[in-house]
Amino acid sequence: MKPFRLRMPDVRTTSVAFASPHSGREYPWSFVRRSILDERILRSSEDAFVDQLFEQAPKHGAPFLTATYPRAWVDVNRSADELDPALIEGLGRNAHNPRVASGLGVVPRVVANGRAIYRGKLTRREADARIRDVWQPWHEAIKTLLDESHALFGEAVLVDCHSMPHEAIESLSHPRGQRPDIVLGDRFGAAASSKIVDRIEAAFAGAGLRVARNAPFAGAFVTQHYGRPARGQHVVQIEIDRALYMNEQAIRPNGNFKSFVGLMEAVTAEIADIGRRDIPLAAE
């Protein structure tokens, strides 16, 4: 099975590319059998259906990269060296890393709410194989898309698409006294130009959604690693409240799903417009 699916537009007309790293839902049977969790709980850390929310991106001239394997198998939004000695055999203790310590390294030890995936440990060979077969191809694809954006448009914008549990934002306040529906993460300005983030925020706000920035999610490895605004390379993480379109407990679309997909197509089109440039066509 391929580690990702890349959907390209017929003609690429924007420097914006979209990626959904955590919506993969192909759970290897050997993995499900080995886990001490049932499949529904295994899926609790999945950004379920996010790939469907942005699936019209190619229609608007932008590539869309989606994961095949789930986050619980290997997390492509972590550094390849974020290895967990509590899960993987033969590792010494490294400098403290809060993500790894909580079980959310590149090969996760837990799913949502800290529930352990396995009873024992994995071999280093198993962990390395997941990184080689899934993590590395994913990041090669990201780099290729960014390089193509630079070559075609002189800049690159990566929109990193995620969802967040409703409970993660229940305690947050919004300037207008309401909880945000969307949280944009740009590493507090280090990963993207404020002009680009402003326009993404305006696209969501124009659709009637409440937007916050960098709290509680400022962006993880992809945002930090690839965001280089001084070089014309911008990365913005988008977190969408799952309650807007799905039943989180049952992991299925809710009654608002169809209309929310339509709303998200309009938002996706506006975000794609951020990177729109006139490309001179070759004579041949």
C-alpha atoms as a PDB file:
ATOM      1  CA  MET A   1       0.000   0.000   0.000  1.00  0.00           C
ATOM      2  CA  LYS A   2       1.285   3.453  -0.885  1.00  0.00           C
ATOM      3  CA  PRO A   3       2.052   5.692   2.107  1.00  0.00           C
ATOM      4  CA  PHE A   4       0.073   8.625   0.716  1.00  0.00           C
ATOM      5  CA  ARG A   5      -2.284   9.770  -1.979  1.00  0.00           C
ATOM      6  CA  LEU A   6      -1.404  12.842  -4.019  1.00  0.00           C
ATOM      7  CA  ARG A   7      -4.172  14.491  -5.994  1.00  0.00           C
ATOM      8  CA  MET A   8      -2.905  17.038  -8.485  1.00  0.00           C
ATOM      9  CA  PRO A   9      -4.947  19.658 -10.344  1.00  0.00           C
ATOM     10  CA  ASP A  10      -5.182  19.447 -14.126  1.00  0.00           C
ATOM     11  CA  VAL A  11      -3.235  22.718 -14.172  1.00  0.00           C
ATOM     12  CA  ARG A  12      -1.503  24.044 -11.098  1.00  0.00           C
ATOM     13  CA  THR A  13      -2.471  27.695 -10.719  1.00  0.00           C
ATOM     14  CA  THR A  14      -1.461  28.519  -7.149  1.00  0.00           C
ATOM     15  CA  SER A  15       1.578  28.341  -4.894  1.00  0.00           C
ATOM     16  CA  VAL A  16      -0.660  26.876  -2.176  1.00  0.00           C
ATOM     17  CA  ALA A  17      -0.579  23.143  -1.473  1.00  0.00           C
ATOM     18  CA  PHE A  18      -2.749  21.326   1.064  1.00  0.00           C
ATOM     19  CA  ALA A  19      -1.770  18.303   3.171  1.00  0.00           C
ATOM     20  CA  SER A  20      -3.681  16.133   5.638  1.00  0.00           C
ATOM     21  CA  PRO A  21      -1.151  14.068   7.614  1.00  0.00           C
ATOM     22  CA  HIS A  22      -3.470  12.535  10.203  1.00  0.00           C
ATOM     23  CA  SER A  23      -6.569  11.470   8.247  1.00  0.00           C
ATOM     24  CA  GLY A  24      -5.151   8.109   7.134  1.00  0.00           C
ATOM     25  CA  ARG A  25      -7.451   5.235   8.045  1.00  0.00           C
ATOM     26  CA  GLU A  26      -5.803   2.126   6.578  1.00  0.00           C
ATOM     27  CA  TYR A  27      -5.023   0.182   9.738  1.00  0.00           C
ATOM     28  CA  PRO A  28      -2.814  -2.850   9.065  1.00  0.00           C
ATOM     29  CA  TRP A  29      -4.590  -5.952  10.345  1.00  0.00           C
ATOM     30  CA  SER A  30      -1.429  -7.074  12.132  1.00  0.00           C
ATOM     31  CA  PHE A  31      -1.412  -3.730  13.971  1.00  0.00           C
ATOM     32  CA  VAL A  32      -5.065  -3.973  15.020  1.00  0.00           C
ATOM     33  CA  ARG A  33      -4.540  -7.538  16.197  1.00  0.00           C
ATOM     34  CA  ARG A  34      -1.455  -6.642  18.186  1.00  0.00           C
ATOM     35  CA  SER A  35      -2.979  -3.618  19.902  1.00  0.00           C
ATOM     36  CA  ILE A  36      -4.755  -3.971  23.232  1.00  0.00           C
ATOM     37  CA  LEU A  37      -7.319  -1.402  22.015  1.00  0.00           C
ATOM     38  CA  ASP A  38     -10.316  -1.986  19.786  1.00  0.00           C
ATOM     39  CA  GLU A  39     -10.384  -0.332  16.388  1.00  0.00           C
ATOM     40  CA  ARG A  40     -12.729   2.484  17.426  1.00  0.00           C
ATOM     41  CA  ILE A  41     -10.430   3.566  20.254  1.00  0.00           C
ATOM     42  CA  LEU A  42      -7.396   3.205  17.975  1.00  0.00           C
ATOM     43  CA  ARG A  43      -9.084   5.715  15.675  1.00  0.00           C
ATOM     44  CA  SER A  44      -9.519   8.298  18.448  1.00  0.00           C
ATOM     45  CA  SER A  45      -6.296  10.111  17.523  1.00  0.00           C
ATOM     46  CA  GLU A  46      -7.191  10.132  13.819  1.00  0.00           C
ATOM     47  CA  ASP A  47      -8.207  13.378  12.114  1.00  0.00           C
ATOM     48  CA  ALA A  48     -11.182  11.541  10.677  1.00  0.00           C
ATOM     49  CA  PHE A  49     -12.720  12.928   7.464  1.00  0.00           C
ATOM     50  CA  VAL A  50     -10.364  15.919   7.200  1.00  0.00           C
ATOM     51  CA  ASP A  51      -9.322  14.615   3.778  1.00  0.00           C
ATOM     52  CA  GLN A  52     -12.946  14.928   2.675  1.00  0.00           C
ATOM     53  CA  LEU A  53     -13.182  18.511   3.946  1.00  0.00           C
ATOM     54  CA  PHE A  54     -10.378  19.671   1.640  1.00  0.00           C
ATOM     55  CA  GLU A  55     -10.814  17.203  -1.216  1.00  0.00           C
ATOM     56  CA  GLN A  56     -11.855  19.909  -3.704  1.00  0.00           C
ATOM     57  CA  ALA A  57      -8.440  21.619  -3.518  1.00  0.00           C
ATOM     58  CA  PRO A  58      -7.305  20.224  -6.912  1.00  0.00           C
ATOM     59  CA  LYS A  59     -10.442  21.665  -8.512  1.00  0.00           C
ATOM     60  CA  HIS A  60      -9.101  25.068  -7.454  1.00  0.00           C
ATOM     61  CA  GLY A  61      -5.611  24.551  -8.833  1.00  0.00           C
ATOM     62  CA  ALA A  62      -3.886  23.262  -5.697  1.00  0.00           C
ATOM     63  CA  PRO A  63      -2.316  19.862  -4.945  1.00  0.00           C
ATOM     64  CA  PHE A  64      -3.686  17.841  -2.033  1.00  0.00           C
ATOM     65  CA  LEU A  65      -1.528  15.299  -0.209  1.00  0.00           C
ATOM     66  CA  THR A  66      -3.285  12.869   2.146  1.00  0.00           C
ATOM     67  CA  ALA A  67      -1.925  10.169   4.419  1.00  0.00           C
ATOM     68  CA  THR A  68      -2.826   6.523   3.933  1.00  0.00           C
ATOM     69  CA  TYR A  69      -1.640   5.063   7.215  1.00  0.00           C
ATOM     70  CA  PRO A  70      -3.000   6.402  10.504  1.00  0.00           C
ATOM     71  CA  ARG A  71      -1.232   8.583  13.007  1.00  0.00           C
ATOM     72  CA  ALA A  72      -1.341   5.733  15.533  1.00  0.00           C
ATOM     73  CA  TRP A  73       0.958   3.710  13.228  1.00  0.00           C
ATOM     74  CA  VAL A  74       3.491   6.461  12.547  1.00  0.00           C
ATOM     75  CA  ASP A  75       3.138  10.226  12.995  1.00  0.00           C
ATOM     76  CA  VAL A  76       4.527  12.155  10.048  1.00  0.00           C
ATOM     77  CA  ASN A  77       4.048  15.385  12.008  1.00  0.00           C
ATOM     78  CA  ARG A  78       6.937  14.471  14.298  1.00  0.00           C
ATOM     79  CA  SER A  79      10.663  14.485  13.718  1.00  0.00           C
ATOM     80  CA  ALA A  80      12.073  11.098  12.721  1.00  0.00           C
ATOM     81  CA  ASP A  81      14.334  11.161  15.772  1.00  0.00           C
ATOM     82  CA  GLU A  82      11.488  11.607  18.276  1.00  0.00           C
ATOM     83  CA  LEU A  83      11.776   7.965  19.350  1.00  0.00           C
ATOM     84  CA  ASP A  84      10.214   6.797  22.596  1.00  0.00           C
ATOM     85  CA  PRO A  85      12.438   4.633  24.847  1.00  0.00           C
ATOM     86  CA  ALA A  86       9.323   3.576  26.770  1.00  0.00           C
ATOM     87  CA  LEU A  87       8.048   1.909  23.586  1.00  0.00           C
ATOM     88  CA  ILE A  88      11.060   0.992  21.459  1.00  0.00           C
ATOM     89  CA  GLU A  89      13.608  -1.547  22.604  1.00  0.00           C
ATOM     90  CA  GLY A  90      17.279  -0.673  22.906  1.00  0.00           C
ATOM     91  CA  LEU A  91      16.964   3.104  23.169  1.00  0.00           C
ATOM     92  CA  GLY A  92      18.847   5.095  25.769  1.00  0.00           C
ATOM     93  CA  ARG A  93      17.323   8.118  27.412  1.00  0.00           C
ATOM     94  CA  ASN A  94      17.557  11.291  25.350  1.00  0.00           C
ATOM     95  CA  ALA A  95      17.071  14.921  26.293  1.00  0.00           C
ATOM     96  CA  HIS A  96      13.581  15.494  27.659  1.00  0.00           C
ATOM     97  CA  ASN A  97      10.974  15.908  24.924  1.00  0.00           C
ATOM     98  CA  PRO A  98       7.437  16.535  26.206  1.00  0.00           C
ATOM     99  CA  ARG A  99       5.817  14.919  23.153  1.00  0.00           C
ATOM    100  CA  VAL A 100       7.873  11.756  23.479  1.00  0.00           C
ATOM    101  CA  ALA A 101       7.414  11.708  27.251  1.00  0.00           C
ATOM    102  CA  SER A 102       3.641  11.797  26.796  1.00  0.00           C
ATOM    103  CA  GLY A 103       3.768   8.856  24.374  1.00  0.00           C
ATOM    104  CA  LEU A 104       3.322  10.910  21.201  1.00  0.00           C
ATOM    105  CA  GLY A 105       6.636  10.402  19.443  1.00  0.00           C
ATOM    106  CA  VAL A 106       7.077   9.561  15.783  1.00  0.00           C
ATOM    107  CA  VAL A 107       5.893   6.023  16.556  1.00  0.00           C
ATOM    108  CA  PRO A 108       3.167   6.690  19.135  1.00  0.00           C
ATOM    109  CA  ARG A 109       2.824   4.706  22.335  1.00  0.00           C
ATOM    110  CA  VAL A 110      -0.670   6.055  23.097  1.00  0.00           C
ATOM    111  CA  VAL A 111      -3.769   7.382  21.364  1.00  0.00           C
ATOM    112  CA  ALA A 112      -6.124  10.104  22.618  1.00  0.00           C
ATOM    113  CA  ASN A 113      -6.472  10.496  26.373  1.00  0.00           C
ATOM    114  CA  GLY A 114      -3.214   8.647  26.962  1.00  0.00           C
ATOM    115  CA  ARG A 115      -4.548   5.154  26.239  1.00  0.00           C
ATOM    116  CA  ALA A 116      -1.700   2.706  25.601  1.00  0.00           C
ATOM    117  CA  ILE A 117      -1.696   1.037  22.186  1.00  0.00           C
ATOM    118  CA  TYR A 118       0.488  -1.971  23.055  1.00  0.00           C
ATOM    119  CA  ARG A 119       1.093  -4.258  25.984  1.00  0.00           C
ATOM    120  CA  GLY A 120       4.848  -4.549  25.389  1.00  0.00           C
ATOM    121  CA  LYS A 121       7.581  -2.882  23.370  1.00  0.00           C
ATOM    122  CA  LEU A 122       8.414  -2.701  19.672  1.00  0.00           C
ATOM    123  CA  THR A 123      11.786  -3.580  18.208  1.00  0.00           C
ATOM    124  CA  ARG A 124      13.931  -0.813  16.791  1.00  0.00           C
ATOM    125  CA  ARG A 125      13.695  -2.577  13.431  1.00  0.00           C
ATOM    126  CA  GLU A 126       9.892  -2.250  13.460  1.00  0.00           C
ATOM    127  CA  ALA A 127      10.066   1.451  14.289  1.00  0.00           C
ATOM    128  CA  ASP A 128      12.714   2.105  11.636  1.00  0.00           C
ATOM    129  CA  ALA A 129      10.638   0.281   9.015  1.00  0.00           C
ATOM    130  CA  ARG A 130       7.630   2.522   9.642  1.00  0.00           C
ATOM    131  CA  ILE A 131       9.808   5.615   9.352  1.00  0.00           C
ATOM    132  CA  ARG A 132      11.448   4.331   6.164  1.00  0.00           C
ATOM    133  CA  ASP A 133       8.236   3.158   4.484  1.00  0.00           C
ATOM    134  CA  VAL A 134       5.823   5.938   5.510  1.00  0.00           C
ATOM    135  CA  TRP A 135       7.522   8.917   7.156  1.00  0.00           C
ATOM    136  CA  GLN A 136      10.316   9.390   4.626  1.00  0.00           C
ATOM    137  CA  PRO A 137       8.109   9.170   1.486  1.00  0.00           C
ATOM    138  CA  TRP A 138       5.662  11.640   3.041  1.00  0.00           C
ATOM    139  CA  HIS A 139       8.362  14.222   3.637  1.00  0.00           C
ATOM    140  CA  GLU A 140       9.891  13.668   0.215  1.00  0.00           C
ATOM    141  CA  ALA A 141       6.457  14.447  -1.242  1.00  0.00           C
ATOM    142  CA  ILE A 142       6.161  17.601   0.885  1.00  0.00           C
ATOM    143  CA  LYS A 143       9.589  18.798  -0.242  1.00  0.00           C
ATOM    144  CA  THR A 144       8.724  18.133  -3.882  1.00  0.00           C
ATOM    145  CA  LEU A 145       5.493  20.141  -3.640  1.00  0.00           C
ATOM    146  CA  LEU A 146       7.289  23.055  -1.993  1.00  0.00           C
ATOM    147  CA  ASP A 147      10.070  22.977  -4.588  1.00  0.00           C
ATOM    148  CA  GLU A 148       7.495  22.965  -7.392  1.00  0.00           C
ATOM    149  CA  SER A 149       5.738  25.946  -5.839  1.00  0.00           C
ATOM    150  CA  HIS A 150       9.004  27.881  -5.698  1.00  0.00           C
ATOM    151  CA  ALA A 151       9.831  26.990  -9.298  1.00  0.00           C
ATOM    152  CA  LEU A 152       6.400  27.972 -10.636  1.00  0.00           C
ATOM    153  CA  PHE A 153       5.464  30.914  -8.440  1.00  0.00           C
ATOM    154  CA  GLY A 154       8.580  32.078  -6.602  1.00  0.00           C
ATOM    155  CA  GLU A 155       7.034  31.195  -3.251  1.00  0.00           C
ATOM    156  CA  ALA A 156       5.423  28.261  -1.459  1.00  0.00           C
ATOM    157  CA  VAL A 157       2.481  28.038   0.919  1.00  0.00           C
ATOM    158  CA  LEU A 158       1.698  24.767   2.693  1.00  0.00           C
ATOM    159  CA  VAL A 159      -1.623  24.433   4.486  1.00  0.00           C
ATOM    160  CA  ASP A 160      -1.334  21.655   7.074  1.00  0.00           C
ATOM    161  CA  CYS A 161      -4.869  20.383   7.712  1.00  0.00           C
ATOM    162  CA  HIS A 162      -5.945  18.910  11.053  1.00  0.00           C
ATOM    163  CA  SER A 163      -8.914  18.523  13.363  1.00  0.00           C
ATOM    164  CA  MET A 164      -9.104  18.988  17.120  1.00  0.00           C
ATOM    165  CA  PRO A 165     -11.266  17.344  19.766  1.00  0.00           C
ATOM    166  CA  HIS A 166     -14.056  19.608  20.918  1.00  0.00           C
ATOM    167  CA  GLU A 167     -12.920  19.167  24.512  1.00  0.00           C
ATOM    168  CA  ALA A 168      -9.554  20.726  23.633  1.00  0.00           C
ATOM    169  CA  ILE A 169     -11.215  24.097  23.124  1.00  0.00           C
ATOM    170  CA  GLU A 170     -14.016  23.957  25.702  1.00  0.00           C
ATOM    171  CA  SER A 171     -11.967  25.920  28.223  1.00  0.00           C
ATOM    172  CA  LEU A 172     -10.735  28.517  25.733  1.00  0.00           C
ATOM    173  CA  SER A 173     -12.170  31.986  25.419  1.00  0.00           C
ATOM    174  CA  HIS A 174     -12.511  34.029  22.269  1.00  0.00           C
ATOM    175  CA  PRO A 175     -12.316  37.827  21.965  1.00  0.00           C
ATOM    176  CA  ARG A 176     -16.063  37.867  21.376  1.00  0.00           C
ATOM    177  CA  GLY A 177     -16.663  35.573  24.331  1.00  0.00           C
ATOM    178  CA  GLN A 178     -17.112  32.426  22.261  1.00  0.00           C
ATOM    179  CA  ARG A 179     -14.896  29.411  21.720  1.00  0.00           C
ATOM    180  CA  PRO A 180     -13.033  29.216  18.407  1.00  0.00           C
ATOM    181  CA  ASP A 181     -14.141  26.846  15.664  1.00  0.00           C
ATOM    182  CA  ILE A 182     -10.752  27.097  13.965  1.00  0.00           C
ATOM    183  CA  VAL A 183      -7.260  27.470  15.402  1.00  0.00           C
ATOM    184  CA  LEU A 184      -4.504  28.644  13.044  1.00  0.00           C
ATOM    185  CA  GLY A 185      -0.929  27.791  14.009  1.00  0.00           C
ATOM    186  CA  ASP A 186       2.025  29.695  12.577  1.00  0.00           C
ATOM    187  CA  ARG A 187       4.494  29.211  15.451  1.00  0.00           C
ATOM    188  CA  PHE A 188       3.645  32.725  16.640  1.00  0.00           C
ATOM    189  CA  GLY A 189       4.713  34.263  13.338  1.00  0.00           C
ATOM    190  CA  ALA A 190       7.850  32.170  12.817  1.00  0.00           C
ATOM    191  CA  ALA A 191       6.355  29.849  10.177  1.00  0.00           C
ATOM    192  CA  ALA A 192       4.381  32.177   7.895  1.00  0.00           C
ATOM    193  CA  SER A 193       3.904  35.766   6.852  1.00  0.00           C
ATOM    194  CA  SER A 194       1.223  37.568   8.820  1.00  0.00           C
ATOM    195  CA  LYS A 195      -0.362  38.652   5.519  1.00  0.00           C
ATOM    196  CA  ILE A 196      -0.921  35.023   4.527  1.00  0.00           C
ATOM    197  CA  VAL A 197      -2.264  34.056   7.944  1.00  0.00           C
ATOM    198  CA  ASP A 198      -4.549  37.120   7.879  1.00  0.00           C
ATOM    199  CA  ARG A 199      -6.018  35.995   4.567  1.00  0.00           C
ATOM    200  CA  ILE A 200      -6.559  32.435   5.776  1.00  0.00           C
ATOM    201  CA  GLU A 201      -8.269  33.784   8.865  1.00  0.00           C
ATOM    202  CA  ALA A 202     -10.442  36.025   6.703  1.00  0.00           C
ATOM    203  CA  ALA A 203     -11.498  33.040   4.569  1.00  0.00           C
ATOM    204  CA  PHE A 204     -12.778  31.165   7.626  1.00  0.00           C
ATOM    205  CA  ALA A 205     -14.272  34.254   9.264  1.00  0.00           C
ATOM    206  CA  GLY A 206     -16.072  35.089   6.034  1.00  0.00           C
ATOM    207  CA  ALA A 207     -17.715  31.664   6.232  1.00  0.00           C
ATOM    208  CA  GLY A 208     -19.041  32.512   9.698  1.00  0.00           C
ATOM    209  CA  LEU A 209     -16.450  30.564  11.690  1.00  0.00           C
ATOM    210  CA  ARG A 210     -14.694  31.860  14.806  1.00  0.00           C
ATOM    211  CA  VAL A 211     -10.909  31.840  14.498  1.00  0.00           C
ATOM    212  CA  ALA A 212      -8.091  31.902  17.052  1.00  0.00           C
ATOM    213  CA  ARG A 213      -4.340  31.738  16.586  1.00  0.00           C
ATOM    214  CA  ASN A 214      -1.686  29.564  18.202  1.00  0.00           C
ATOM    215  CA  ALA A 215      -3.684  28.527  21.261  1.00  0.00           C
ATOM    216  CA  PRO A 216      -3.867  25.722  22.083  1.00  0.00           C
ATOM    217  CA  PHE A 217      -2.125  24.580  18.876  1.00  0.00           C
ATOM    218  CA  ALA A 218       0.727  26.628  17.433  1.00  0.00           C
ATOM    219  CA  GLY A 219       1.960  24.035  14.956  1.00  0.00           C
ATOM    220  CA  ALA A 220       4.123  20.933  15.280  1.00  0.00           C
ATOM    221  CA  PHE A 221       7.050  19.479  13.330  1.00  0.00           C
ATOM    222  CA  VAL A 222       5.852  20.248   9.800  1.00  0.00           C
ATOM    223  CA  THR A 223       5.111  23.873  10.639  1.00  0.00           C
ATOM    224  CA  GLN A 224       8.387  24.329  12.487  1.00  0.00           C
ATOM    225  CA  HIS A 225      10.563  22.444  10.001  1.00  0.00           C
ATOM    226  CA  TYR A 226       9.250  23.835   6.706  1.00  0.00           C
ATOM    227  CA  GLY A 227       8.054  27.314   7.663  1.00  0.00           C
ATOM    228  CA  ARG A 228      10.674  29.758   6.388  1.00  0.00           C
ATOM    229  CA  PRO A 229       8.854  33.014   5.603  1.00  0.00           C
ATOM    230  CA  ALA A 230      12.107  34.945   5.026  1.00  0.00           C
ATOM    231  CA  ARG A 231      12.723  32.539   2.115  1.00  0.00           C
ATOM    232  CA  GLY A 232       9.195  32.813   0.771  1.00  0.00           C
ATOM    233  CA  GLN A 233       8.134  29.465   2.265  1.00  0.00           C
ATOM    234  CA  HIS A 234       5.090  29.631   4.517  1.00  0.00           C
ATOM    235  CA  VAL A 235       3.359  26.914   6.541  1.00  0.00           C
ATOM    236  CA  VAL A 236       0.093  27.355   8.419  1.00  0.00           C
ATOM    237  CA  GLN A 237      -1.505  24.635  10.504  1.00  0.00           C
ATOM    238  CA  ILE A 238      -5.298  24.537  10.535  1.00  0.00           C
ATOM    239  CA  GLU A 239      -7.206  22.847  13.367  1.00  0.00           C
ATOM    240  CA  ILE A 240     -10.959  22.412  12.931  1.00  0.00           C
ATOM    241  CA  ASP A 241     -13.339  21.596  15.774  1.00  0.00           C
ATOM    242  CA  ARG A 242     -14.536  18.055  15.081  1.00  0.00           C
ATOM    243  CA  ALA A 243     -17.950  18.748  16.588  1.00  0.00           C
ATOM    244  CA  LEU A 244     -18.728  20.922  13.559  1.00  0.00           C
ATOM    245  CA  TYR A 245     -19.007  17.938  11.229  1.00  0.00           C
ATOM    246  CA  MET A 246     -18.696  14.609  13.070  1.00  0.00           C
ATOM    247  CA  ASN A 247     -19.803  12.534  16.014  1.00  0.00           C
ATOM    248  CA  GLU A 248     -16.522  12.163  17.873  1.00  0.00           C
ATOM    249  CA  GLN A 249     -17.554   9.188  19.994  1.00  0.00           C
ATOM    250  CA  ALA A 250     -18.880   7.124  17.088  1.00  0.00           C
ATOM    251  CA  ILE A 251     -16.296   8.491  14.597  1.00  0.00           C
ATOM    252  CA  ARG A 252     -18.847   9.114  11.888  1.00  0.00           C
ATOM    253  CA  PRO A 253     -20.154  12.178  10.050  1.00  0.00           C
ATOM    254  CA  ASN A 254     -22.939  14.049  11.823  1.00  0.00           C
ATOM    255  CA  GLY A 255     -26.014  15.650  10.292  1.00  0.00           C
ATOM    256  CA  ASN A 256     -24.075  18.813   9.472  1.00  0.00           C
ATOM    257  CA  PHE A 257     -21.377  17.016   7.496  1.00  0.00           C
ATOM    258  CA  LYS A 258     -22.663  17.612   3.965  1.00  0.00           C
ATOM    259  CA  SER A 259     -23.252  21.332   4.451  1.00  0.00           C
ATOM    260  CA  PHE A 260     -19.912  21.747   6.208  1.00  0.00           C
ATOM    261  CA  VAL A 261     -18.124  20.064   3.295  1.00  0.00           C
ATOM    262  CA  GLY A 262     -19.761  22.636   0.998  1.00  0.00           C
ATOM    263  CA  LEU A 263     -18.690  25.479   3.271  1.00  0.00           C
ATOM    264  CA  MET A 264     -15.131  24.111   3.338  1.00  0.00           C
ATOM    265  CA  GLU A 265     -14.936  24.010  -0.447  1.00  0.00           C
ATOM    266  CA  ALA A 266     -15.615  27.743  -0.515  1.00  0.00           C
ATOM    267  CA  VAL A 267     -12.960  28.320   2.160  1.00  0.00           C
ATOM    268  CA  THR A 268     -10.480  26.096   0.298  1.00  0.00           C
ATOM    269  CA  ALA A 269     -11.029  28.075  -2.895  1.00  0.00           C
ATOM    270  CA  GLU A 270     -10.324  31.353  -1.068  1.00  0.00           C
ATOM    271  CA  ILE A 271      -7.159  29.961   0.487  1.00  0.00           C
ATOM    272  CA  ALA A 272      -5.983  28.699  -2.907  1.00  0.00           C
ATOM    273  CA  ASP A 273      -6.482  32.221  -4.256  1.00  0.00           C
ATOM    274  CA  ILE A 274      -3.791  33.478  -1.880  1.00  0.00           C
ATOM    275  CA  GLY A 275      -1.126  31.902  -4.083  1.00  0.00           C
ATOM    276  CA  ARG A 276      -2.689  32.682  -7.438  1.00  0.00           C
ATOM    277  CA  ARG A 277      -0.261  33.996 -10.014  1.00  0.00           C
ATOM    278  CA  ASP A 278      -0.345  34.446 -13.780  1.00  0.00           C
ATOM    279  CA  ILE A 279       1.890  31.785 -15.308  1.00  0.00           C
ATOM    280  CA  PRO A 280       3.205  32.433 -18.834  1.00  0.00           C
ATOM    281  CA  LEU A 281       2.351  29.408 -20.934  1.00  0.00           C
ATOM    282  CA  ALA A 282       5.067  27.879 -23.112  1.00  0.00           C
ATOM    283  CA  ALA A 283       4.471  28.056 -26.853  1.00  0.00           C
ATOM    284  CA  GLU A 284       4.589  24.295 -27.233  1.00  0.00           C
END
